[in-house]
Protein backbone atom coordinates (compact mmCIF):
# COMPACT_ATOMS: atom_id res chain seq x y z
CA MET A 1 -27.12 1.89 -12.20
CA ASN A 2 -26.89 0.94 -8.48
CA GLY A 3 -23.53 1.13 -6.54
CA ARG A 4 -22.95 -2.59 -6.41
CA VAL A 5 -23.36 -2.98 -10.24
CA GLY A 6 -21.07 0.05 -10.72
CA GLU A 7 -18.38 -1.48 -8.53
CA ARG A 8 -18.55 -4.77 -10.37
CA GLU A 9 -18.07 -2.99 -13.66
CA GLY A 10 -15.39 -0.85 -12.27
CA PHE A 11 -13.55 -3.94 -11.06
CA ALA A 12 -13.92 -5.70 -14.36
CA ALA A 13 -12.32 -2.67 -16.13
CA PHE A 14 -9.52 -2.77 -13.54
CA MET A 15 -8.90 -6.31 -14.38
CA LEU A 16 -8.70 -5.64 -18.07
CA ARG A 17 -6.21 -2.83 -17.42
CA MET A 18 -3.97 -5.03 -15.25
CA ARG A 19 -3.96 -7.93 -17.77
CA ALA A 20 -3.06 -5.33 -20.49
CA ARG A 21 0.07 -4.60 -18.28
CA GLY A 22 0.85 -8.34 -18.22
CA ILE A 23 -0.21 -8.76 -14.55
CA LEU A 24 -1.97 -12.03 -14.05
CA ASN A 25 -1.98 -12.42 -10.32
CA ASN A 26 -5.27 -14.23 -9.65
CA PRO A 27 -4.75 -14.55 -5.76
CA LEU A 28 -4.15 -10.81 -5.57
CA PHE A 29 -7.15 -10.05 -7.78
CA ALA A 30 -9.33 -12.26 -5.60
CA ALA A 31 -8.13 -10.51 -2.49
CA MET A 32 -8.77 -7.00 -4.04
CA GLU A 33 -12.24 -8.04 -5.01
CA ALA A 34 -13.11 -9.56 -1.69
CA ILE A 35 -12.41 -6.34 0.16
CA PRO A 36 -15.16 -3.80 -0.39
CA ARG A 37 -13.04 -0.95 -1.82
CA GLY A 38 -16.08 1.36 -1.71
CA SER A 39 -15.90 1.26 2.12
CA PHE A 40 -12.46 2.77 2.14
CA VAL A 41 -13.36 5.63 -0.39
CA PRO A 42 -15.14 8.80 0.77
CA VAL A 43 -18.81 8.84 -0.16
CA GLU A 44 -18.45 11.80 -2.47
CA TRP A 45 -15.80 9.94 -4.45
CA HIS A 46 -17.62 6.63 -4.81
CA ASN A 47 -17.93 6.98 -8.59
CA TRP A 48 -14.08 6.73 -8.64
CA THR A 49 -13.84 3.63 -6.43
CA TRP A 50 -12.11 1.61 -9.19
CA SER A 51 -10.55 4.59 -10.98
CA HIS A 52 -6.93 4.73 -11.95
CA ARG A 53 -6.70 8.10 -10.24
CA SER A 54 -5.97 8.86 -6.72
CA VAL A 55 -8.81 10.04 -4.51
CA PRO A 56 -8.63 12.50 -1.60
CA ILE A 57 -9.14 11.30 2.02
CA ASP A 58 -8.80 12.92 5.36
CA CYS A 59 -5.68 14.69 6.57
CA GLY A 60 -4.71 15.88 3.23
CA GLU A 61 -3.76 12.39 2.07
CA VAL A 62 -5.03 10.22 -0.81
CA ILE A 63 -5.90 6.71 -1.66
CA GLU A 64 -3.83 5.72 -4.60
CA GLY A 65 -5.54 4.67 -7.79
CA CYS A 66 -6.32 0.92 -7.96
CA ASP A 67 -3.93 0.42 -10.94
CA LEU A 68 -0.92 1.74 -8.97
CA GLN A 69 -2.01 -0.37 -5.98
CA GLY A 70 -2.26 -3.43 -8.21
CA VAL A 71 1.28 -2.84 -9.62
CA VAL A 72 2.72 -2.39 -6.25
CA LEU A 73 1.03 -5.28 -4.40
CA ASP A 74 1.92 -7.67 -7.47
CA ALA A 75 5.58 -6.60 -7.24
CA LEU A 76 5.69 -7.58 -3.52
CA GLU A 77 5.06 -11.25 -4.44
CA LEU A 78 2.96 -11.78 -1.27
CA GLY A 79 2.49 -15.23 0.12
CA PRO A 80 1.31 -17.12 3.06
CA GLY A 81 3.57 -16.79 6.13
CA HIS A 82 4.87 -13.42 5.06
CA LYS A 83 5.09 -10.55 7.53
CA VAL A 84 4.62 -7.17 5.92
CA LEU A 85 5.45 -3.68 6.96
CA GLU A 86 3.32 -0.95 5.20
CA ILE A 87 4.49 2.71 5.51
CA GLY A 88 1.52 5.06 4.82
CA SER A 89 -1.71 3.35 5.91
CA GLY A 90 -4.01 5.84 4.12
CA SER A 91 -7.58 4.50 4.22
CA GLY A 92 -6.48 1.04 5.25
CA TYR A 93 -7.49 -0.51 2.01
CA THR A 94 -4.16 -2.03 0.93
CA ALA A 95 -3.51 -3.40 4.37
CA ALA A 96 -6.81 -5.10 4.24
CA VAL A 97 -6.02 -6.63 0.86
CA MET A 98 -2.59 -7.85 2.06
CA SER A 99 -4.10 -9.37 5.19
CA ARG A 100 -5.86 -11.90 3.01
CA LEU A 101 -2.55 -12.99 1.35
CA VAL A 102 -0.08 -12.96 4.32
CA SER A 103 0.11 -13.94 7.94
CA LYS A 104 0.61 -10.37 9.48
CA VAL A 105 0.54 -6.78 8.34
CA VAL A 106 2.02 -3.96 10.40
CA SER A 107 0.73 -0.70 9.03
CA ILE A 108 1.99 2.69 10.14
CA ASP A 109 0.91 6.26 9.45
CA ARG A 110 1.75 9.78 10.75
CA TYR A 111 -1.93 10.56 11.30
CA LYS A 112 -3.74 9.20 14.22
CA ARG A 113 -7.10 9.87 12.64
CA LEU A 114 -6.29 7.70 9.65
CA ILE A 115 -5.01 4.91 11.92
CA GLU A 116 -8.15 4.92 13.97
CA ASP A 117 -10.62 5.12 10.97
CA ALA A 118 -8.68 2.25 9.28
CA ARG A 119 -8.90 0.23 12.42
CA VAL A 120 -12.61 0.58 12.48
CA ARG A 121 -12.99 -0.52 8.89
CA HIS A 122 -10.84 -3.49 9.56
CA GLU A 123 -12.80 -4.51 12.62
CA ALA A 124 -16.02 -4.20 10.73
CA LEU A 125 -14.73 -6.77 8.21
CA GLY A 126 -13.49 -9.20 10.90
CA ILE A 127 -9.84 -8.77 10.05
CA ASN A 128 -7.58 -9.58 12.98
CA ASN A 129 -4.07 -9.88 11.55
CA ILE A 130 -3.33 -6.22 11.03
CA VAL A 131 -1.47 -4.02 13.59
CA MET A 132 -2.17 -0.42 13.11
CA ARG A 133 0.27 2.17 14.59
CA GLN A 134 0.88 5.81 14.56
CA ALA A 135 4.50 6.22 13.64
CA ASN A 136 6.91 7.81 11.19
CA GLY A 137 8.65 5.81 8.46
CA LEU A 138 11.87 7.69 9.00
CA ASP A 139 12.00 6.68 12.62
CA ALA A 140 13.04 3.47 14.27
CA ILE A 141 10.55 0.75 13.51
CA GLU A 142 9.76 -2.23 15.79
CA ASP A 143 8.45 -5.67 15.08
CA GLY A 144 10.93 -6.58 12.40
CA PRO A 145 12.38 -8.32 10.55
CA PHE A 146 9.85 -8.26 7.76
CA ASP A 147 9.54 -10.41 4.60
CA ARG A 148 8.03 -7.53 2.61
CA ILE A 149 8.14 -3.73 3.00
CA VAL A 150 5.92 -1.31 0.97
CA ALA A 151 6.08 2.49 1.14
CA TRP A 152 3.39 4.73 -0.15
CA ALA A 153 5.61 7.87 0.24
CA ALA A 154 8.71 8.80 -1.65
CA PHE A 155 12.30 8.51 -0.48
CA GLU A 156 14.80 10.97 -1.87
CA GLU A 157 17.50 8.40 -2.07
CA HIS A 158 17.64 4.64 -1.99
CA PRO A 159 16.16 3.40 1.37
CA ARG A 160 19.19 1.33 2.37
CA ARG A 161 18.30 1.90 6.08
CA PHE A 162 15.59 -0.76 5.72
CA ALA A 163 18.06 -3.41 4.87
CA ASP A 164 18.31 -4.62 8.39
CA LEU A 165 14.44 -4.86 8.62
CA LEU A 166 14.27 -7.21 5.75
CA THR A 167 14.73 -10.93 5.81
CA SER A 168 17.13 -12.65 3.35
CA GLY A 169 15.33 -12.60 -0.05
CA GLY A 170 12.87 -9.98 1.28
CA ILE A 171 11.24 -7.38 -1.06
CA LEU A 172 10.94 -3.69 -0.60
CA VAL A 173 8.78 -1.56 -3.00
CA ALA A 174 8.99 2.19 -2.73
CA PRO A 175 9.11 5.26 -4.88
CA VAL A 176 12.57 6.91 -4.97
CA GLY A 177 13.22 10.54 -6.24
CA PRO A 178 12.70 14.15 -5.41
CA GLY A 179 9.58 15.02 -3.28
CA ASP A 180 8.57 17.84 -5.62
CA GLY A 181 8.87 15.94 -8.88
CA GLU A 182 8.59 12.63 -10.56
CA GLN A 183 9.91 9.55 -8.78
CA MET A 184 10.62 5.96 -9.92
CA LEU A 185 8.68 3.19 -8.31
CA GLN A 186 11.43 0.66 -7.57
CA LYS A 187 11.50 -2.99 -6.40
CA PHE A 188 14.47 -3.98 -4.12
CA VAL A 189 15.16 -7.60 -3.48
CA LYS A 190 17.63 -8.32 -0.55
CA MET A 191 20.41 -10.62 -1.62
CA GLY A 192 22.81 -11.08 1.29
CA SER A 193 24.24 -7.59 2.04
CA ARG A 194 23.02 -5.95 -1.19
CA PHE A 195 19.86 -5.09 -3.04
CA GLU A 196 18.90 -6.11 -6.60
CA ARG A 197 16.92 -3.22 -7.94
CA THR A 198 14.23 -3.19 -10.69
CA ASP A 199 12.57 -0.04 -11.99
CA LEU A 200 8.76 -0.47 -12.24
CA MET A 201 7.18 2.76 -13.48
CA PRO A 202 7.32 6.54 -12.95
CA VAL A 203 5.02 7.91 -10.21
CA ARG A 204 4.29 11.09 -8.37
CA MET A 205 3.85 10.57 -4.59
CA GLN A 206 4.12 12.72 -1.62
CA PRO A 207 7.59 12.72 0.12
CA LEU A 208 8.15 10.81 3.29
CA ALA A 209 7.71 13.55 6.04
CA LYS A 210 9.53 13.88 9.34
CA GLY A 211 7.74 13.79 12.80
CA LEU A 212 4.16 13.32 13.80
CA PRO A 213 1.43 15.92 13.44
CA LEU A 214 0.17 17.40 16.75
CA ALA A 215 -3.45 18.01 15.81
CA LEU A 216 -4.34 14.96 13.75
């Protein structure tokens, strides 16, 4: 079986799992299929390109399993004209997917190496509506407000500090809970000065860390 056939079969299996969850987001599925996921996965893990399990990447980070990515991106309700903040760029795959559905993506990560590698992948695909930046999600963030915010690292408490960064009716999806245990992936919809919260699924993600690494 060659790599291209394997990826097609892997994507088909992913689609079946998403439909079993009740997720029928065809624009999202088209965007995920259009971005060559294998280009964002280390060569030694290509057999896991469309696995539901996370895969190691540089800097001790991971690319989350495609099932979790599908759940999160579907919950964001992405649409044309949206401006999105992504906290935790990773390999750059989810930013690339979102770039096909929204007008602008600002993606930040603590690791300069991940930012630079993701930028190269995006440029190779001709993507020009993603801004990659080395930054920490706990620090002040420019370029707001945003229509959507997604975090791929866990907050120990509800991330109310992002309320001012969201437009009215904006959506934030992030895991909330202890960094050393199970968290709850939650969807927050900004309604005036308050959030409406929906629990999506239990997850285990790395906690949001402070500061920036000196060597990477």
